[in-house]
Amino acid sequence: MYRVAGDQPSPRFPLGKRTDFYREEFLKHRRCLEWQREYFSERAISEVECVLTRILMDLDRLCCRDDVDGHVSELLRKLDMVTGLSGWSDPGSLH
């Protein structure tokens, strides 16, 4: 079986770059969770760390899916509900 040009949408950037980008996004959530550790129970921390570990271990396979952007965006939104990372700003960027 062969593929016809245009059979699949081309990624916005190569697989390796996409994987690296998403890996860094998940690691940001892990660091943010660590900074907020005192505000969460150990059980909550353990559960989120387990999910993050599983995602990071499976990220290469996940990034091969046609629907990777939507799927990863949903995972990041769910993590953001816990970490609140999107509401944080870089103190170095403030004037």
Protein backbone atom coordinates (compact mmCIF):
# COMPACT_ATOMS: atom_id res chain seq x y z
CA MET A 1 0.00 0.00 0.00
CA TYR A 2 1.29 3.46 -0.80
CA ARG A 3 0.40 6.91 0.34
CA VAL A 4 -0.75 9.64 -1.96
CA ALA A 5 0.71 13.09 -1.45
CA GLY A 6 -1.65 15.00 0.79
CA ASP A 7 -2.99 11.77 2.31
CA GLN A 8 -2.03 12.97 5.80
CA PRO A 9 -1.63 16.51 7.07
CA SER A 10 2.01 17.45 7.39
CA PRO A 11 3.13 18.37 10.88
CA ARG A 12 3.90 22.00 11.62
CA PHE A 13 7.34 20.94 12.72
CA PRO A 14 9.30 17.66 12.68
CA LEU A 15 8.41 14.86 15.08
CA GLY A 16 11.56 15.25 17.19
CA LYS A 17 11.00 18.97 17.67
CA ARG A 18 7.34 18.41 18.51
CA THR A 19 8.25 15.75 21.07
CA ASP A 20 10.89 18.02 22.63
CA PHE A 21 8.41 20.90 22.79
CA TYR A 22 5.71 18.82 24.48
CA ARG A 23 8.24 17.20 26.84
CA GLU A 24 9.32 20.64 28.03
CA GLU A 25 5.69 21.68 28.56
CA PHE A 26 5.03 18.64 30.76
CA LEU A 27 8.28 19.22 32.65
CA LYS A 28 7.18 22.81 33.35
CA HIS A 29 4.05 21.42 34.99
CA ARG A 30 6.17 19.00 37.03
CA ARG A 31 8.38 21.86 38.28
CA CYS A 32 5.35 24.00 39.04
CA LEU A 33 3.80 21.16 41.02
CA GLU A 34 7.03 20.77 42.97
CA TRP A 35 7.03 24.50 43.84
CA GLN A 36 3.48 24.13 45.17
CA ARG A 37 4.09 20.86 47.01
CA GLU A 38 3.22 22.30 50.42
CA TYR A 39 -0.31 23.13 49.23
CA PHE A 40 -1.21 19.59 48.11
CA SER A 41 -1.56 16.31 49.94
CA GLU A 42 1.12 13.69 49.35
CA ARG A 43 -1.50 11.52 47.67
CA ALA A 44 -2.40 14.26 45.20
CA ILE A 45 1.28 14.91 44.44
CA SER A 46 1.92 11.18 43.94
CA GLU A 47 -1.03 10.78 41.59
CA VAL A 48 -0.07 13.75 39.41
CA GLU A 49 3.59 12.70 39.37
CA CYS A 50 2.51 9.22 38.30
CA VAL A 51 0.45 10.65 35.45
CA LEU A 52 3.30 12.93 34.37
CA THR A 53 5.79 10.06 34.44
CA ARG A 54 3.49 7.90 32.34
CA ILE A 55 2.94 10.70 29.81
CA LEU A 56 6.65 11.44 29.55
CA MET A 57 7.49 7.76 29.08
CA ASP A 58 4.86 7.44 26.33
CA LEU A 59 5.46 10.80 24.65
CA ASP A 60 7.35 9.51 21.62
CA ARG A 61 4.53 7.11 20.77
CA LEU A 62 1.91 9.72 21.52
CA CYS A 63 3.55 12.22 19.16
CA CYS A 64 3.20 9.74 16.27
CA ARG A 65 -0.59 9.94 16.46
CA ASP A 66 -2.46 11.98 13.86
CA ASP A 67 -4.41 13.73 16.62
CA VAL A 68 -1.39 14.51 18.82
CA ASP A 69 -1.99 18.25 19.09
CA GLY A 70 -5.56 17.94 20.30
CA HIS A 71 -4.78 15.06 22.63
CA VAL A 72 -1.74 16.70 24.22
CA SER A 73 -3.55 20.04 24.49
CA GLU A 74 -6.29 18.32 26.46
CA LEU A 75 -3.74 16.67 28.79
CA LEU A 76 -1.99 20.01 29.33
CA ARG A 77 -5.30 21.76 30.07
CA LYS A 78 -6.14 19.12 32.68
CA LEU A 79 -2.71 19.48 34.29
CA ASP A 80 -3.11 23.24 34.27
CA MET A 81 -6.26 22.89 36.33
CA VAL A 82 -4.05 21.38 39.05
CA THR A 83 -0.86 23.43 38.71
CA GLY A 84 -2.28 26.74 37.51
CA LEU A 85 0.85 27.15 35.40
CA SER A 86 -0.88 29.24 32.73
CA GLY A 87 -1.56 31.93 35.35
CA TRP A 88 2.09 32.21 36.33
CA SER A 89 4.36 34.75 34.75
CA ASP A 90 8.11 34.77 34.45
CA PRO A 91 9.38 37.24 37.09
CA GLY A 92 12.33 38.05 34.83
CA SER A 93 9.98 39.34 32.12
CA LEU A 94 8.30 41.95 34.34
CA HIS A 95 9.48 45.54 34.23
